[in-house]
Amino acid sequence: MPYTEIIENVMPEKTLAETVTELLSLDIGGFSLGNILAAAVIFIVCLVLIKLCVRLTRRALGKSRLDEQVKRAIVNFERVVLWVTALLIIMGKLNISTASLVALVSVAGLALSLSLQNTLSNVFAGITLLVTHPFKAGDFIESGTTSGTVLRTGLFYVTLMTYDNKEIHIPNSDIAASRLTNYTAEPTRRVDLSFGLEYGCGAGDVREALLAAAAENEKVLTEPAPAVVVNAYLSSSVQYTLRCWTLTADYWDVYYALNESARRHLEAAGLSLAFDRLDVRIVKD
């Protein structure tokens, strides 16, 4: 019998499609070869797509002014979410039940969020501050009872440097929840100084002396022009307020200099600063 006839009798003729179908249906460790190959293709596609998405995200974040720690956190979070999604797709292709994995991830996420509630609050508050950008490094701000120059904004804390050279770390959630004042957001700032003069002092003389003190200071801006107003009538004095404008960077220099020169000009004009006094009258019957 010819050799070809022996082969035909042992292995009946099959179409290519039938042969491929049989190969793909081969059982390997409880998984069909077709599902394993499909899962491998999905893995390769997901790997390429994840790298592409991460690269695009990094490029977009590179153009932003977000802190480096926040950029890394966003990229890492994106990578974890994408890989978990890819894992669920691959498990579904391999006919592996994903219900238990989803439940486990949900429980773990809930437990983690509860244990890290304050930390996550600081993280989201930090992202809010960096996106809304109410201040930047170098600004002098006041939050609650704390004020200082911003050194850096991190994922958890805002670091301030006080005037007495103390470094303070304030949680982002505290900054976001409190009233925030940015003193250096504008290029100029108004200096307000109040002085209590005796009732016997003429308003014109007081105004002339205080404006002279402002005029001799080169850091006081001429526009808007300095002004002196009567602010209040107190029990022992009349309160006058000197208002003048200066560059934000010169605010404290002008503030302290005017405090000193204003008294000198008032005394030179014969005007006395008032102090609390109590008049006692004895009436005899």
Foldseek 3Di string as FASTA:
>chain_A
DDPVVVVCVVDPDDDPVVVVVVQQQDADPNFGNVLVVVLVVLVVVLVVVLVVVLVVLLVVVVPAPADPQLSVVVSVVSSVVSVVVSVVVSCVSRVHDCPVVVVVVVVVVVVVCVVCVLLVLLQVLLVVCRVVVPDQAQWWKDWDPDIAGFHHRDRFWTWGAHPVGDIDTDGSNSRSPTDMDTLQPDFKDKAKDKFWFAPVDDPVLLFVLLLVLLVVDPQWDPVVHKGKDFDDDDPGTTMIMIMTMGTSVCRVVVNVSSVVSSVVSCVVSVIDGTDDDDDDDDDDD
